[in-house]
Amino acid sequence: DLNRDRPELILQGNYSYSDSVSGFSTTHDSWSVVLNLSCNLFDGGRSESEVEQAEANRDAVSARLQETRTLIELEVEREFREIANSIQRIEVTGATLESAREALRIAELGYGQGVITLIDYQDTDLGLHQAEILHIQAVYSFLIAEAKLRAAMGEPF
């Protein structure tokens, strides 16, 4: 409580009237005014201890804040790298997908003319399906990385 450490100043006044005069007094009226100042001169080091504790708490919170900022920066950087890698995978799998489509077109022509076997044609068709799957996985990885980046930056998805 901060109020207990503050000085306290009290002003009291008193007036009394007596019908009879007694002792050394020659008047019936009596006035008294008391000014009382109270302050804590020694608190056993409590105030200094509380200040040190508050400073230690402030330093700990500041360190946690800096650590959190650093972790967020690292996460954002990691997600940016993941997005860049995902874009490269999309480009590579896109080129592979185009090559697989062209290979299937050629295999269809070759199979139609009897130049390649059914197994070779089916292998080419399987290669196209695998290329499609890899391309879809690359796009999915990009979308996941984008969502993680938004989350790391505190943006809504």
N, C-alpha and C. Protein backbone atom coordinates (compact mmCIF):
# COMPACT_ATOMS: atom_id res chain seq x y z
N ASP A 1 0.85 -1.19 0.00
CA ASP A 1 0.00 0.00 0.00
C ASP A 1 0.88 1.23 0.00
N LEU A 2 0.71 2.11 -0.98
CA LEU A 2 1.55 3.29 -1.09
C LEU A 2 1.25 4.32 -0.03
N ASN A 3 0.03 4.37 0.51
CA ASN A 3 -0.34 5.38 1.50
C ASN A 3 0.40 5.21 2.81
N ARG A 4 0.82 4.00 3.15
CA ARG A 4 1.49 3.79 4.44
C ARG A 4 2.89 4.39 4.44
N ASP A 5 3.47 4.65 3.27
CA ASP A 5 4.81 5.22 3.19
C ASP A 5 4.80 6.74 3.11
N ARG A 6 3.66 7.32 2.97
CA ARG A 6 3.56 8.78 2.87
C ARG A 6 3.53 9.40 4.27
N PRO A 7 4.13 10.58 4.42
CA PRO A 7 4.01 11.27 5.72
C PRO A 7 2.55 11.65 5.96
N GLU A 8 2.19 11.73 7.24
CA GLU A 8 0.82 12.06 7.61
C GLU A 8 0.86 13.31 8.48
N LEU A 9 0.07 14.31 8.13
CA LEU A 9 0.00 15.57 8.87
C LEU A 9 -1.42 15.72 9.40
N ILE A 10 -1.54 15.86 10.71
CA ILE A 10 -2.85 15.98 11.34
C ILE A 10 -2.89 17.29 12.12
N LEU A 11 -3.93 18.06 11.90
CA LEU A 11 -4.16 19.31 12.64
C LEU A 11 -5.42 19.11 13.46
N GLN A 12 -5.30 19.30 14.79
CA GLN A 12 -6.45 19.15 15.68
C GLN A 12 -6.64 20.45 16.46
N GLY A 13 -7.84 20.81 16.66
CA GLY A 13 -8.15 21.98 17.48
C GLY A 13 -9.16 21.62 18.54
N ASN A 14 -9.09 22.30 19.69
CA ASN A 14 -9.99 21.99 20.78
C ASN A 14 -10.33 23.30 21.52
N TYR A 15 -11.57 23.43 21.87
CA TYR A 15 -12.04 24.59 22.64
C TYR A 15 -12.89 24.06 23.77
N SER A 16 -12.68 24.59 24.95
CA SER A 16 -13.53 24.17 26.08
C SER A 16 -13.88 25.40 26.93
N TYR A 17 -15.00 25.29 27.59
CA TYR A 17 -15.48 26.37 28.45
C TYR A 17 -15.86 25.76 29.79
N SER A 18 -15.46 26.40 30.84
CA SER A 18 -15.77 25.92 32.18
C SER A 18 -16.42 27.03 32.99
N ASP A 19 -17.46 26.70 33.76
CA ASP A 19 -18.15 27.70 34.59
C ASP A 19 -17.28 28.18 35.74
N SER A 20 -16.45 27.33 36.22
CA SER A 20 -15.65 27.75 37.37
C SER A 20 -14.19 27.87 36.97
N VAL A 21 -13.52 28.73 37.65
CA VAL A 21 -12.10 28.93 37.43
C VAL A 21 -11.38 28.20 38.56
N SER A 22 -10.39 27.40 38.22
CA SER A 22 -9.67 26.68 39.27
C SER A 22 -8.19 26.70 38.98
N GLY A 23 -7.41 26.44 39.94
CA GLY A 23 -5.97 26.36 39.78
C GLY A 23 -5.36 27.68 39.38
N PHE A 24 -4.45 27.63 38.49
CA PHE A 24 -3.74 28.82 38.03
C PHE A 24 -4.49 29.54 36.93
N SER A 25 -5.56 28.97 36.42
CA SER A 25 -6.31 29.55 35.31
C SER A 25 -7.14 30.72 35.78
N THR A 26 -7.17 31.80 34.99
CA THR A 26 -7.97 32.98 35.31
C THR A 26 -9.09 33.18 34.32
N THR A 27 -9.25 32.31 33.37
CA THR A 27 -10.31 32.45 32.36
C THR A 27 -11.18 31.22 32.34
N HIS A 28 -12.33 31.42 31.78
CA HIS A 28 -13.26 30.29 31.63
C HIS A 28 -13.03 29.54 30.32
N ASP A 29 -12.40 30.17 29.34
CA ASP A 29 -12.18 29.57 28.01
C ASP A 29 -10.82 28.86 28.00
N SER A 30 -10.79 27.80 27.17
CA SER A 30 -9.52 27.10 26.99
C SER A 30 -9.42 26.70 25.50
N TRP A 31 -8.33 27.04 24.88
CA TRP A 31 -8.07 26.69 23.49
C TRP A 31 -6.82 25.82 23.43
N SER A 32 -6.86 24.87 22.52
CA SER A 32 -5.63 24.11 22.25
C SER A 32 -5.60 23.74 20.77
N VAL A 33 -4.42 23.84 20.19
CA VAL A 33 -4.22 23.46 18.79
C VAL A 33 -3.02 22.51 18.77
N VAL A 34 -3.20 21.38 18.11
CA VAL A 34 -2.12 20.38 18.02
C VAL A 34 -1.87 20.09 16.54
N LEU A 35 -0.61 20.18 16.15
CA LEU A 35 -0.18 19.84 14.80
C LEU A 35 0.71 18.61 14.94
N ASN A 36 0.33 17.51 14.30
CA ASN A 36 1.05 16.25 14.45
C ASN A 36 1.56 15.81 13.08
N LEU A 37 2.88 15.65 12.94
CA LEU A 37 3.49 15.15 11.71
C LEU A 37 4.05 13.77 12.01
N SER A 38 3.61 12.79 11.20
CA SER A 38 4.05 11.42 11.39
C SER A 38 4.64 10.91 10.08
N CYS A 39 5.87 10.42 10.14
CA CYS A 39 6.47 9.83 8.93
C CYS A 39 7.31 8.64 9.34
N ASN A 40 7.43 7.69 8.44
CA ASN A 40 8.18 6.48 8.69
C ASN A 40 9.64 6.72 8.33
N LEU A 41 10.50 6.79 9.32
CA LEU A 41 11.92 7.04 9.07
C LEU A 41 12.67 5.76 8.74
N PHE A 42 12.22 4.65 9.21
CA PHE A 42 12.92 3.40 8.98
C PHE A 42 11.88 2.30 8.76
N ASP A 43 11.98 1.61 7.61
CA ASP A 43 11.01 0.55 7.32
C ASP A 43 11.68 -0.81 7.17
N GLY A 44 12.88 -0.92 7.70
CA GLY A 44 13.57 -2.21 7.64
C GLY A 44 14.02 -2.59 6.25
N GLY A 45 14.17 -1.63 5.34
CA GLY A 45 14.60 -1.90 3.98
C GLY A 45 13.49 -2.39 3.07
N ARG A 46 12.26 -2.36 3.57
CA ARG A 46 11.13 -2.86 2.80
C ARG A 46 10.95 -2.08 1.50
N SER A 47 11.00 -0.76 1.57
CA SER A 47 10.79 0.06 0.37
C SER A 47 11.84 -0.22 -0.69
N GLU A 48 13.10 -0.29 -0.26
CA GLU A 48 14.18 -0.56 -1.21
C GLU A 48 14.02 -1.95 -1.81
N SER A 49 13.62 -2.90 -0.98
CA SER A 49 13.40 -4.26 -1.46
C SER A 49 12.27 -4.31 -2.48
N GLU A 50 11.19 -3.59 -2.21
CA GLU A 50 10.06 -3.56 -3.15
C GLU A 50 10.47 -2.91 -4.47
N VAL A 51 11.29 -1.87 -4.40
CA VAL A 51 11.76 -1.22 -5.63
C VAL A 51 12.64 -2.19 -6.42
N GLU A 52 13.54 -2.88 -5.73
CA GLU A 52 14.41 -3.85 -6.41
C GLU A 52 13.60 -4.97 -7.03
N GLN A 53 12.58 -5.44 -6.32
CA GLN A 53 11.71 -6.50 -6.85
C GLN A 53 10.97 -6.01 -8.10
N ALA A 54 10.46 -4.79 -8.05
CA ALA A 54 9.76 -4.23 -9.21
C ALA A 54 10.70 -4.09 -10.39
N GLU A 55 11.92 -3.65 -10.15
CA GLU A 55 12.90 -3.53 -11.23
C GLU A 55 13.26 -4.90 -11.80
N ALA A 56 13.41 -5.89 -10.93
CA ALA A 56 13.71 -7.25 -11.40
C ALA A 56 12.56 -7.79 -12.23
N ASN A 57 11.32 -7.55 -11.79
CA ASN A 57 10.15 -7.98 -12.57
C ASN A 57 10.12 -7.29 -13.92
N ARG A 58 10.40 -5.97 -13.93
CA ARG A 58 10.42 -5.23 -15.19
C ARG A 58 11.48 -5.80 -16.13
N ASP A 59 12.67 -6.09 -15.60
CA ASP A 59 13.74 -6.65 -16.43
C ASP A 59 13.37 -8.02 -16.98
N ALA A 60 12.71 -8.84 -16.15
CA ALA A 60 12.30 -10.18 -16.60
C ALA A 60 11.25 -10.08 -17.70
N VAL A 61 10.30 -9.19 -17.54
CA VAL A 61 9.27 -9.01 -18.57
C VAL A 61 9.90 -8.48 -19.85
N SER A 62 10.83 -7.57 -19.71
CA SER A 62 11.52 -7.03 -20.89
C SER A 62 12.30 -8.12 -21.62
N ALA A 63 12.96 -8.99 -20.86
CA ALA A 63 13.71 -10.09 -21.48
C ALA A 63 12.77 -11.06 -22.18
N ARG A 64 11.63 -11.37 -21.55
CA ARG A 64 10.65 -12.28 -22.19
C ARG A 64 10.08 -11.65 -23.45
N LEU A 65 9.85 -10.35 -23.42
CA LEU A 65 9.33 -9.65 -24.60
C LEU A 65 10.34 -9.73 -25.73
N GLN A 66 11.62 -9.47 -25.43
CA GLN A 66 12.65 -9.54 -26.47
C GLN A 66 12.79 -10.95 -27.01
N GLU A 67 12.72 -11.94 -26.12
CA GLU A 67 12.79 -13.34 -26.56
C GLU A 67 11.62 -13.68 -27.48
N THR A 68 10.44 -13.23 -27.12
CA THR A 68 9.26 -13.48 -27.95
C THR A 68 9.39 -12.82 -29.31
N ARG A 69 9.87 -11.59 -29.33
CA ARG A 69 10.09 -10.89 -30.61
C ARG A 69 11.07 -11.66 -31.48
N THR A 70 12.16 -12.11 -30.88
CA THR A 70 13.17 -12.86 -31.63
C THR A 70 12.58 -14.15 -32.19
N LEU A 71 11.81 -14.86 -31.37
CA LEU A 71 11.19 -16.11 -31.84
C LEU A 71 10.22 -15.85 -32.99
N ILE A 72 9.46 -14.76 -32.91
CA ILE A 72 8.52 -14.43 -33.98
C ILE A 72 9.28 -14.09 -35.25
N GLU A 73 10.35 -13.31 -35.13
CA GLU A 73 11.16 -12.96 -36.31
C GLU A 73 11.73 -14.22 -36.96
N LEU A 74 12.23 -15.14 -36.14
CA LEU A 74 12.78 -16.38 -36.69
C LEU A 74 11.71 -17.21 -37.38
N GLU A 75 10.53 -17.26 -36.79
CA GLU A 75 9.43 -18.02 -37.40
C GLU A 75 9.00 -17.40 -38.72
N VAL A 76 8.92 -16.08 -38.77
CA VAL A 76 8.53 -15.40 -40.01
C VAL A 76 9.58 -15.66 -41.09
N GLU A 77 10.86 -15.56 -40.72
CA GLU A 77 11.93 -15.83 -41.70
C GLU A 77 11.85 -17.26 -42.21
N ARG A 78 11.63 -18.21 -41.27
CA ARG A 78 11.54 -19.62 -41.67
C ARG A 78 10.38 -19.84 -42.64
N GLU A 79 9.24 -19.21 -42.38
CA GLU A 79 8.08 -19.38 -43.25
C GLU A 79 8.29 -18.71 -44.61
N PHE A 80 9.00 -17.58 -44.64
CA PHE A 80 9.34 -16.96 -45.93
C PHE A 80 10.21 -17.91 -46.76
N ARG A 81 11.18 -18.54 -46.09
CA ARG A 81 12.04 -19.51 -46.82
C ARG A 81 11.20 -20.69 -47.31
N GLU A 82 10.26 -21.15 -46.49
CA GLU A 82 9.41 -22.28 -46.89
C GLU A 82 8.54 -21.90 -48.09
N ILE A 83 8.05 -20.68 -48.11
CA ILE A 83 7.27 -20.22 -49.27
C ILE A 83 8.14 -20.20 -50.52
N ALA A 84 9.36 -19.68 -50.38
CA ALA A 84 10.27 -19.64 -51.53
C ALA A 84 10.55 -21.06 -52.04
N ASN A 85 10.79 -22.00 -51.10
CA ASN A 85 11.02 -23.39 -51.50
C ASN A 85 9.78 -23.99 -52.17
N SER A 86 8.61 -23.66 -51.65
CA SER A 86 7.37 -24.18 -52.23
C SER A 86 7.16 -23.64 -53.64
N ILE A 87 7.48 -22.39 -53.85
CA ILE A 87 7.35 -21.81 -55.20
C ILE A 87 8.28 -22.52 -56.17
N GLN A 88 9.51 -22.80 -55.72
CA GLN A 88 10.45 -23.52 -56.59
C GLN A 88 9.93 -24.93 -56.90
N ARG A 89 9.37 -25.61 -55.88
CA ARG A 89 8.82 -26.95 -56.12
C ARG A 89 7.64 -26.90 -57.09
N ILE A 90 6.81 -25.87 -56.98
CA ILE A 90 5.69 -25.73 -57.92
C ILE A 90 6.21 -25.55 -59.34
N GLU A 91 7.24 -24.72 -59.50
CA GLU A 91 7.80 -24.51 -60.83
C GLU A 91 8.39 -25.79 -61.40
N VAL A 92 9.15 -26.52 -60.56
CA VAL A 92 9.79 -27.76 -61.02
C VAL A 92 8.73 -28.82 -61.34
N THR A 93 7.77 -29.00 -60.44
CA THR A 93 6.75 -30.02 -60.70
C THR A 93 5.84 -29.62 -61.86
N GLY A 94 5.66 -28.32 -62.07
CA GLY A 94 4.89 -27.85 -63.22
C GLY A 94 5.58 -28.21 -64.52
N ALA A 95 6.91 -28.01 -64.55
CA ALA A 95 7.67 -28.37 -65.75
C ALA A 95 7.65 -29.89 -65.95
N THR A 96 7.77 -30.63 -64.87
CA THR A 96 7.72 -32.10 -64.95
C THR A 96 6.34 -32.56 -65.44
N LEU A 97 5.30 -31.90 -64.96
CA LEU A 97 3.95 -32.24 -65.38
C LEU A 97 3.77 -32.00 -66.88
N GLU A 98 4.26 -30.89 -67.38
CA GLU A 98 4.17 -30.62 -68.82
C GLU A 98 4.94 -31.66 -69.63
N SER A 99 6.11 -32.04 -69.13
CA SER A 99 6.90 -33.08 -69.83
C SER A 99 6.15 -34.42 -69.83
N ALA A 100 5.51 -34.73 -68.70
CA ALA A 100 4.78 -36.00 -68.61
C ALA A 100 3.57 -35.98 -69.55
N ARG A 101 2.91 -34.85 -69.67
CA ARG A 101 1.78 -34.75 -70.60
C ARG A 101 2.25 -34.95 -72.04
N GLU A 102 3.36 -34.32 -72.36
CA GLU A 102 3.91 -34.47 -73.73
C GLU A 102 4.34 -35.92 -73.97
N ALA A 103 4.94 -36.54 -72.95
CA ALA A 103 5.37 -37.94 -73.10
C ALA A 103 4.15 -38.85 -73.30
N LEU A 104 3.05 -38.58 -72.60
CA LEU A 104 1.85 -39.38 -72.78
C LEU A 104 1.26 -39.17 -74.18
N ARG A 105 1.28 -37.92 -74.65
CA ARG A 105 0.79 -37.66 -76.01
C ARG A 105 1.59 -38.46 -77.04
N ILE A 106 2.90 -38.47 -76.86
CA ILE A 106 3.76 -39.22 -77.80
C ILE A 106 3.52 -40.72 -77.64
N ALA A 107 3.32 -41.19 -76.39
CA ALA A 107 3.08 -42.61 -76.15
C ALA A 107 1.76 -43.04 -76.77
N GLU A 108 0.73 -42.17 -76.71
CA GLU A 108 -0.55 -42.49 -77.33
C GLU A 108 -0.38 -42.67 -78.84
N LEU A 109 0.39 -41.74 -79.44
CA LEU A 109 0.65 -41.87 -80.89
C LEU A 109 1.41 -43.16 -81.19
N GLY A 110 2.46 -43.44 -80.39
CA GLY A 110 3.27 -44.65 -80.62
C GLY A 110 2.47 -45.92 -80.41
N TYR A 111 1.62 -45.93 -79.38
CA TYR A 111 0.81 -47.11 -79.13
C TYR A 111 -0.23 -47.28 -80.23
N GLY A 112 -0.79 -46.16 -80.71
CA GLY A 112 -1.77 -46.22 -81.79
C GLY A 112 -1.16 -46.75 -83.08
N GLN A 113 0.10 -46.52 -83.28
CA GLN A 113 0.77 -46.99 -84.50
C GLN A 113 1.49 -48.31 -84.27
N GLY A 114 1.41 -48.83 -83.07
CA GLY A 114 2.02 -50.13 -82.78
C GLY A 114 3.51 -50.05 -82.52
N VAL A 115 4.05 -48.87 -82.27
CA VAL A 115 5.50 -48.72 -82.06
C VAL A 115 5.89 -49.08 -80.62
N ILE A 116 5.01 -48.82 -79.65
CA ILE A 116 5.32 -49.15 -78.25
C ILE A 116 4.26 -50.12 -77.73
N THR A 117 4.61 -50.80 -76.67
CA THR A 117 3.71 -51.80 -76.09
C THR A 117 2.72 -51.12 -75.12
N LEU A 118 1.72 -51.89 -74.75
CA LEU A 118 0.72 -51.41 -73.78
C LEU A 118 1.37 -51.10 -72.43
N ILE A 119 2.33 -51.91 -72.04
CA ILE A 119 3.02 -51.68 -70.76
C ILE A 119 3.77 -50.35 -70.80
N ASP A 120 4.44 -50.05 -71.91
CA ASP A 120 5.15 -48.76 -72.03
C ASP A 120 4.16 -47.59 -71.98
N TYR A 121 3.03 -47.77 -72.64
CA TYR A 121 2.00 -46.72 -72.62
C TYR A 121 1.48 -46.52 -71.19
N GLN A 122 1.20 -47.62 -70.48
CA GLN A 122 0.69 -47.52 -69.11
C GLN A 122 1.73 -46.93 -68.16
N ASP A 123 2.99 -47.25 -68.37
CA ASP A 123 4.07 -46.65 -67.57
C ASP A 123 4.11 -45.13 -67.78
N THR A 124 3.92 -44.70 -69.01
CA THR A 124 3.91 -43.27 -69.30
C THR A 124 2.70 -42.61 -68.65
N ASP A 125 1.56 -43.27 -68.72
CA ASP A 125 0.36 -42.75 -68.09
C ASP A 125 0.55 -42.67 -66.56
N LEU A 126 1.16 -43.68 -65.96
CA LEU A 126 1.45 -43.67 -64.53
C LEU A 126 2.40 -42.52 -64.18
N GLY A 127 3.37 -42.29 -65.03
CA GLY A 127 4.30 -41.16 -64.81
C GLY A 127 3.56 -39.83 -64.79
N LEU A 128 2.56 -39.68 -65.66
CA LEU A 128 1.77 -38.45 -65.69
C LEU A 128 1.00 -38.30 -64.37
N HIS A 129 0.40 -39.39 -63.90
CA HIS A 129 -0.36 -39.33 -62.65
C HIS A 129 0.56 -39.00 -61.46
N GLN A 130 1.75 -39.56 -61.45
CA GLN A 130 2.70 -39.26 -60.38
C GLN A 130 3.14 -37.79 -60.44
N ALA A 131 3.33 -37.28 -61.64
CA ALA A 131 3.71 -35.86 -61.80
C ALA A 131 2.58 -34.95 -61.32
N GLU A 132 1.34 -35.35 -61.59
CA GLU A 132 0.19 -34.56 -61.12
C GLU A 132 0.15 -34.55 -59.59
N ILE A 133 0.38 -35.72 -58.99
CA ILE A 133 0.35 -35.81 -57.52
C ILE A 133 1.45 -34.94 -56.91
N LEU A 134 2.65 -35.01 -57.48
CA LEU A 134 3.75 -34.19 -56.96
C LEU A 134 3.45 -32.70 -57.11
N HIS A 135 2.82 -32.32 -58.20
CA HIS A 135 2.48 -30.92 -58.40
C HIS A 135 1.41 -30.47 -57.39
N ILE A 136 0.41 -31.31 -57.17
CA ILE A 136 -0.64 -30.99 -56.18
C ILE A 136 -0.02 -30.88 -54.78
N GLN A 137 0.90 -31.77 -54.45
CA GLN A 137 1.56 -31.71 -53.14
C GLN A 137 2.38 -30.41 -53.00
N ALA A 138 3.02 -29.98 -54.08
CA ALA A 138 3.80 -28.74 -54.04
C ALA A 138 2.88 -27.53 -53.81
N VAL A 139 1.73 -27.52 -54.50
CA VAL A 139 0.77 -26.43 -54.31
C VAL A 139 0.23 -26.47 -52.88
N TYR A 140 -0.06 -27.65 -52.37
CA TYR A 140 -0.55 -27.80 -51.00
C TYR A 140 0.51 -27.29 -50.00
N SER A 141 1.76 -27.65 -50.21
CA SER A 141 2.85 -27.18 -49.34
C SER A 141 2.94 -25.66 -49.35
N PHE A 142 2.75 -25.07 -50.52
CA PHE A 142 2.76 -23.60 -50.61
C PHE A 142 1.63 -23.00 -49.80
N LEU A 143 0.43 -23.55 -49.92
CA LEU A 143 -0.72 -23.02 -49.19
C LEU A 143 -0.53 -23.16 -47.67
N ILE A 144 0.04 -24.28 -47.24
CA ILE A 144 0.32 -24.47 -45.82
C ILE A 144 1.36 -23.45 -45.35
N ALA A 145 2.42 -23.26 -46.13
CA ALA A 145 3.46 -22.30 -45.76
C ALA A 145 2.90 -20.88 -45.71
N GLU A 146 2.01 -20.56 -46.63
CA GLU A 146 1.39 -19.23 -46.63
C GLU A 146 0.53 -19.03 -45.38
N ALA A 147 -0.22 -20.06 -45.00
CA ALA A 147 -1.05 -19.97 -43.79
C ALA A 147 -0.17 -19.84 -42.54
N LYS A 148 0.92 -20.58 -42.50
CA LYS A 148 1.83 -20.48 -41.34
C LYS A 148 2.47 -19.10 -41.27
N LEU A 149 2.80 -18.53 -42.43
CA LEU A 149 3.39 -17.18 -42.44
C LEU A 149 2.38 -16.17 -41.93
N ARG A 150 1.15 -16.27 -42.38
CA ARG A 150 0.11 -15.35 -41.90
C ARG A 150 -0.08 -15.49 -40.39
N ALA A 151 -0.06 -16.72 -39.91
CA ALA A 151 -0.22 -16.94 -38.46
C ALA A 151 0.97 -16.36 -37.70
N ALA A 152 2.17 -16.52 -38.23
CA ALA A 152 3.38 -16.00 -37.56
C ALA A 152 3.34 -14.47 -37.53
N MET A 153 2.74 -13.86 -38.54
CA MET A 153 2.67 -12.40 -38.60
C MET A 153 1.42 -11.87 -37.90
N GLY A 154 0.59 -12.79 -37.38
CA GLY A 154 -0.60 -12.37 -36.64
C GLY A 154 -1.74 -11.94 -37.54
N GLU A 155 -1.73 -12.35 -38.79
CA GLU A 155 -2.80 -11.99 -39.72
C GLU A 155 -3.85 -13.12 -39.75
N PRO A 156 -5.09 -12.75 -40.06
CA PRO A 156 -6.11 -13.81 -40.20
C PRO A 156 -5.85 -14.63 -41.46
N PHE A 157 -6.33 -15.84 -41.46
CA PHE A 157 -6.10 -16.75 -42.61
C PHE A 157 -7.00 -16.35 -43.73
